[in-house]
C-alpha atoms as a PDB file:
ATOM      1  CA  MET A   1      55.820  15.028 -15.434  1.00  0.00           C
ATOM      2  CA  ALA A   2      52.627  13.835 -14.057  1.00  0.00           C
ATOM      3  CA  LEU A   3      49.666  13.999 -16.587  1.00  0.00           C
ATOM      4  CA  ALA A   4      47.052  14.220 -13.013  1.00  0.00           C
ATOM      5  CA  LYS A   5      46.937  14.291  -9.680  1.00  0.00           C
ATOM      6  CA  LEU A   6      44.984  12.133  -7.570  1.00  0.00           C
ATOM      7  CA  GLY A   7      41.754  13.741  -6.347  1.00  0.00           C
ATOM      8  CA  VAL A   8      39.690  10.880  -3.993  1.00  0.00           C
ATOM      9  CA  VAL A   9      39.208   7.417  -4.231  1.00  0.00           C
ATOM     10  CA  VAL A  10      35.050   6.999  -4.109  1.00  0.00           C
ATOM     11  CA  LEU A  11      33.343   3.434  -3.069  1.00  0.00           C
ATOM     12  CA  ASP A  12      30.087   2.712  -4.516  1.00  0.00           C
ATOM     13  CA  CYS A  13      27.491   1.611  -1.831  1.00  0.00           C
ATOM     14  CA  PRO A  14      23.865   1.547  -0.920  1.00  0.00           C
ATOM     15  CA  ASP A  15      24.385   3.985   1.746  1.00  0.00           C
ATOM     16  CA  PRO A  16      27.199   6.574   0.926  1.00  0.00           C
ATOM     17  CA  ARG A  17      26.268   8.081   5.017  1.00  0.00           C
ATOM     18  CA  ALA A  18      26.636   4.903   6.650  1.00  0.00           C
ATOM     19  CA  LEU A  19      29.852   3.435   4.702  1.00  0.00           C
ATOM     20  CA  ALA A  20      31.532   6.285   5.494  1.00  0.00           C
ATOM     21  CA  GLY A  21      30.707   6.381   9.122  1.00  0.00           C
ATOM     22  CA  PHE A  22      32.190   3.151   8.834  1.00  0.00           C
ATOM     23  CA  TYR A  23      35.416   4.145   7.559  1.00  0.00           C
ATOM     24  CA  ALA A  24      35.232   7.139  10.013  1.00  0.00           C
ATOM     25  CA  GLY A  25      35.420   5.050  12.707  1.00  0.00           C
ATOM     26  CA  MET A  26      38.389   3.812  11.602  1.00  0.00           C
ATOM     27  CA  LEU A  27      40.263   6.779  10.134  1.00  0.00           C
ATOM     28  CA  GLY A  28      38.600   9.748  12.134  1.00  0.00           C
ATOM     29  CA  GLY A  29      37.606  12.802  10.280  1.00  0.00           C
ATOM     30  CA  THR A  30      34.839  14.447   9.193  1.00  0.00           C
ATOM     31  CA  VAL A  31      31.811  13.151   7.000  1.00  0.00           C
ATOM     32  CA  GLU A  32      30.310  15.810   4.982  1.00  0.00           C
ATOM     33  CA  GLY A  33      27.365  15.314   2.694  1.00  0.00           C
ATOM     34  CA  ASP A  34      24.300  13.306   2.145  1.00  0.00           C
ATOM     35  CA  GLY A  35      22.450  11.511  -0.092  1.00  0.00           C
ATOM     36  CA  GLU A  36      23.704  10.132  -3.435  1.00  0.00           C
ATOM     37  CA  TRP A  37      27.400  11.117  -2.773  1.00  0.00           C
ATOM     38  CA  VAL A  38      29.501  11.980   0.791  1.00  0.00           C
ATOM     39  CA  ASP A  39      32.832  12.656   1.139  1.00  0.00           C
ATOM     40  CA  LEU A  40      34.999  11.758   4.553  1.00  0.00           C
ATOM     41  CA  LYS A  41      37.854  13.832   4.755  1.00  0.00           C
ATOM     42  CA  VAL A  42      40.692  12.416   6.869  1.00  0.00           C
ATOM     43  CA  PRO A  43      43.418  14.626   8.822  1.00  0.00           C
ATOM     44  CA  GLY A  44      46.482  14.473   6.812  1.00  0.00           C
ATOM     45  CA  GLY A  45      45.472  11.533   4.590  1.00  0.00           C
ATOM     46  CA  GLN A  46      43.721  10.847   1.733  1.00  0.00           C
ATOM     47  CA  ALA A  47      39.791  11.829   1.281  1.00  0.00           C
ATOM     48  CA  LEU A  48      37.560   8.890   0.454  1.00  0.00           C
ATOM     49  CA  ALA A  49      34.406   9.493  -1.278  1.00  0.00           C
ATOM     50  CA  PHE A  50      31.263   7.378  -1.138  1.00  0.00           C
ATOM     51  CA  GLN A  51      28.592   7.267  -3.935  1.00  0.00           C
ATOM     52  CA  ARG A  52      25.420   5.870  -3.994  1.00  0.00           C
ATOM     53  CA  ALA A  53      25.104   2.452  -5.952  1.00  0.00           C
ATOM     54  CA  PRO A  54      21.786   0.685  -4.879  1.00  0.00           C
ATOM     55  CA  GLY A  55      22.307  -2.516  -7.033  1.00  0.00           C
ATOM     56  CA  LEU A  56      26.137  -2.713  -6.051  1.00  0.00           C
ATOM     57  CA  VAL A  57      26.932  -6.516  -6.081  1.00  0.00           C
ATOM     58  CA  PRO A  58      30.273  -6.592  -4.040  1.00  0.00           C
ATOM     59  CA  PRO A  59      33.637  -8.268  -4.576  1.00  0.00           C
ATOM     60  CA  LYS A  60      34.346 -11.862  -3.521  1.00  0.00           C
ATOM     61  CA  TRP A  61      37.379 -13.060  -2.023  1.00  0.00           C
ATOM     62  CA  PRO A  62      39.624 -14.528  -2.608  1.00  0.00           C
ATOM     63  CA  ALA A  63      38.095 -15.681  -5.689  1.00  0.00           C
ATOM     64  CA  ALA A  64      39.792 -16.712  -8.717  1.00  0.00           C
ATOM     65  CA  ASP A  65      36.746 -16.018 -11.202  1.00  0.00           C
ATOM     66  CA  ALA A  66      35.769 -12.915  -9.886  1.00  0.00           C
ATOM     67  CA  SER A  67      37.849  -9.990  -9.710  1.00  0.00           C
ATOM     68  CA  GLN A  68      37.643  -8.117  -6.123  1.00  0.00           C
ATOM     69  CA  GLN A  69      38.250  -4.721  -8.534  1.00  0.00           C
ATOM     70  CA  PHE A  70      40.586  -3.093  -5.555  1.00  0.00           C
ATOM     71  CA  HIS A  71      40.957  -2.720  -1.844  1.00  0.00           C
ATOM     72  CA  LEU A  72      42.505  -0.681   0.807  1.00  0.00           C
ATOM     73  CA  ASP A  73      45.839  -1.135   2.341  1.00  0.00           C
ATOM     74  CA  LEU A  74      45.283   0.435   6.128  1.00  0.00           C
ATOM     75  CA  VAL A  75      48.516   0.333   8.124  1.00  0.00           C
ATOM     76  CA  VAL A  76      48.101  -0.025  12.048  1.00  0.00           C
ATOM     77  CA  GLU A  77      50.120  -0.899  14.961  1.00  0.00           C
ATOM     78  CA  ASP A  78      48.488  -3.329  16.680  1.00  0.00           C
ATOM     79  CA  LEU A  79      46.681  -5.985  14.501  1.00  0.00           C
ATOM     80  CA  ASP A  80      45.065  -7.073  17.266  1.00  0.00           C
ATOM     81  CA  GLU A  81      43.268  -4.134  18.659  1.00  0.00           C
ATOM     82  CA  ALA A  82      42.297  -2.731  14.923  1.00  0.00           C
ATOM     83  CA  GLU A  83      40.687  -6.147  14.342  1.00  0.00           C
ATOM     84  CA  LYS A  84      38.684  -5.878  17.692  1.00  0.00           C
ATOM     85  CA  GLY A  85      37.990  -2.013  16.692  1.00  0.00           C
ATOM     86  CA  VAL A  86      36.652  -2.778  12.925  1.00  0.00           C
ATOM     87  CA  LEU A  87      34.651  -6.128  13.587  1.00  0.00           C
ATOM     88  CA  GLU A  88      32.811  -3.783  16.674  1.00  0.00           C
ATOM     89  CA  LEU A  89      32.175  -1.094  13.853  1.00  0.00           C
ATOM     90  CA  GLY A  90      30.799  -3.834  11.759  1.00  0.00           C
ATOM     91  CA  ALA A  91      33.162  -5.347   9.464  1.00  0.00           C
ATOM     92  CA  LYS A  92      33.615  -8.864   8.621  1.00  0.00           C
ATOM     93  CA  PRO A  93      36.559 -10.946   8.402  1.00  0.00           C
ATOM     94  CA  LEU A  94      37.526 -12.612   5.379  1.00  0.00           C
ATOM     95  CA  ASP A  95      41.489 -13.889   5.753  1.00  0.00           C
ATOM     96  CA  ARG A  96      44.389 -13.709   7.987  1.00  0.00           C
ATOM     97  CA  GLN A  97      47.775 -13.623   7.508  1.00  0.00           C
ATOM     98  CA  ALA A  98      51.079 -12.960   9.793  1.00  0.00           C
ATOM     99  CA  THR A  99      51.357  -9.453   9.072  1.00  0.00           C
ATOM    100  CA  PHE A 100      47.884  -8.645   7.626  1.00  0.00           C
ATOM    101  CA  ARG A 101      44.034  -9.274   7.668  1.00  0.00           C
ATOM    102  CA  VAL A 102      41.606  -8.776   5.565  1.00  0.00           C
ATOM    103  CA  TYR A 103      37.781  -8.124   6.044  1.00  0.00           C
ATOM    104  CA  ALA A 104      34.857  -6.772   3.804  1.00  0.00           C
ATOM    105  CA  ASP A 105      32.938  -3.401   4.897  1.00  0.00           C
ATOM    106  CA  PRO A 106      29.542  -3.438   5.607  1.00  0.00           C
ATOM    107  CA  ALA A 107      29.021  -2.554   1.660  1.00  0.00           C
ATOM    108  CA  GLY A 108      30.924  -6.011   0.925  1.00  0.00           C
ATOM    109  CA  HIS A 109      34.389  -4.324  -0.195  1.00  0.00           C
ATOM    110  CA  PRO A 110      37.351  -6.001   0.977  1.00  0.00           C
ATOM    111  CA  PHE A 111      40.236  -4.088   3.098  1.00  0.00           C
ATOM    112  CA  CYS A 112      43.453  -4.808   4.923  1.00  0.00           C
ATOM    113  CA  LEU A 113      44.572  -4.324   7.951  1.00  0.00           C
ATOM    114  CA  CYS A 114      48.327  -4.076   7.644  1.00  0.00           C
ATOM    115  CA  ALA A 115      50.984  -4.629  10.451  1.00  0.00           C
ATOM    116  CA  CYS A 116      54.297  -3.858   7.737  1.00  0.00           C
END
């Protein structure tokens, strides 16, 4: 029996509204809130939240001496099409493999587009 239920995944960032808008551009949904905490409500999916962290030091990818802490795997049907879209939204490419591609969001968090 579970002891808890997953509420929301929270990403620290310097500008919560801007980063929520970046992910809304990929996942759809609505951005709610302003200031220190912003929610992205994704239709039929897990919500994401964004919390202001002015001193955020982005994780490194890949780095044996520094943990990336976590990353999001986002499933797509067409890697090339999805890549074009995330680059237009402001993602930066980090790594490229046959079935997935790794990017950094505008705050530096790594995420993967997966054709899995």
